Amino acid sequence: MEALQPGSPSAAQSVVEEELVQCYCCRLTEECTPEYIAMVKEQHQGRWICGLCAEAIKDENSRSHKALATRRR
């Protein structure tokens, strides 16, 4: 049996539970931990949104708010 080296992960630590999840917008499928999936869904009203689509949504929301501010002047 091989001894673990200091600083190396144990067998229990190296097993990471991941799930497949599909983006609500673009249908991209990713493997993510359940904790990360829950965090993303919390930020997007219960929908899984991939990082690329999340950035596009953030950019579009920023543009919309700027356009509304300009119209109100």
Protein backbone atom coordinates (compact mmCIF):
# COMPACT_ATOMS: atom_id res chain seq x y z
CA MET A 1 0.00 0.00 0.00
CA GLU A 2 1.29 3.41 -0.95
CA ALA A 3 1.63 6.09 1.75
CA LEU A 4 0.06 9.49 1.17
CA GLN A 5 2.49 12.34 0.77
CA PRO A 6 2.06 15.44 2.96
CA GLY A 7 -0.08 17.99 1.18
CA SER A 8 -1.59 15.46 -1.26
CA PRO A 9 -5.36 14.94 -1.17
CA SER A 10 -6.66 11.76 0.39
CA ALA A 11 -8.88 9.47 -1.62
CA ALA A 12 -11.96 10.85 0.17
CA GLN A 13 -11.00 14.45 -0.58
CA SER A 14 -10.34 13.88 -4.28
CA VAL A 15 -13.86 12.59 -5.03
CA VAL A 16 -15.99 15.56 -6.02
CA GLU A 17 -19.67 15.02 -6.64
CA GLU A 18 -20.73 16.72 -9.87
CA GLU A 19 -23.99 16.84 -11.77
CA LEU A 20 -24.83 17.68 -15.35
CA VAL A 21 -26.83 20.86 -15.71
CA GLN A 22 -28.13 22.60 -18.84
CA CYS A 23 -28.23 26.37 -19.41
CA TYR A 24 -31.76 27.76 -19.62
CA CYS A 25 -30.72 30.18 -22.40
CA CYS A 26 -28.30 28.40 -24.74
CA ARG A 27 -28.74 24.75 -23.68
CA LEU A 28 -25.00 24.32 -22.97
CA THR A 29 -24.44 21.37 -20.65
CA GLU A 30 -21.84 21.59 -17.88
CA GLU A 31 -20.67 19.45 -14.97
CA CYS A 32 -20.92 21.37 -11.70
CA THR A 33 -21.11 20.68 -7.99
CA PRO A 34 -24.57 20.75 -6.42
CA GLU A 35 -23.49 23.71 -4.26
CA TYR A 36 -22.49 25.77 -7.31
CA ILE A 37 -25.69 24.84 -9.14
CA ALA A 38 -27.76 25.99 -6.16
CA MET A 39 -25.85 29.29 -5.95
CA VAL A 40 -26.35 30.06 -9.65
CA LYS A 41 -30.05 29.14 -9.55
CA GLU A 42 -30.51 31.40 -6.51
CA GLN A 43 -29.07 34.33 -8.49
CA HIS A 44 -31.25 33.66 -11.56
CA GLN A 45 -34.73 33.00 -10.17
CA GLY A 46 -34.33 29.22 -10.04
CA ARG A 47 -32.89 28.84 -13.53
CA TRP A 48 -29.41 27.56 -14.36
CA ILE A 49 -27.63 30.14 -16.52
CA CYS A 50 -24.10 29.43 -17.82
CA GLY A 51 -21.35 31.99 -17.27
CA LEU A 52 -21.41 33.29 -20.85
CA CYS A 53 -25.16 33.88 -20.82
CA ALA A 54 -24.98 35.41 -17.34
CA GLU A 55 -22.47 37.98 -18.63
CA ALA A 56 -24.67 38.74 -21.65
CA ILE A 57 -27.69 39.23 -19.37
CA LYS A 58 -25.69 41.50 -17.06
CA ASP A 59 -24.48 43.55 -20.04
CA GLU A 60 -27.97 43.85 -21.50
CA ASN A 61 -29.41 44.92 -18.15
CA SER A 62 -26.68 47.54 -17.82
CA ARG A 63 -27.47 48.91 -21.27
CA SER A 64 -31.20 48.99 -20.56
CA HIS A 65 -30.70 50.97 -17.34
CA LYS A 66 -28.44 53.47 -19.13
CA ALA A 67 -31.00 53.92 -21.92
CA LEU A 68 -33.78 54.54 -19.39
CA ALA A 69 -31.67 57.08 -17.51
CA THR A 70 -30.94 58.93 -20.76
CA ARG A 71 -34.63 59.09 -21.72
CA ARG A 72 -35.66 60.55 -18.37
CA ARG A 73 -33.52 63.66 -18.75
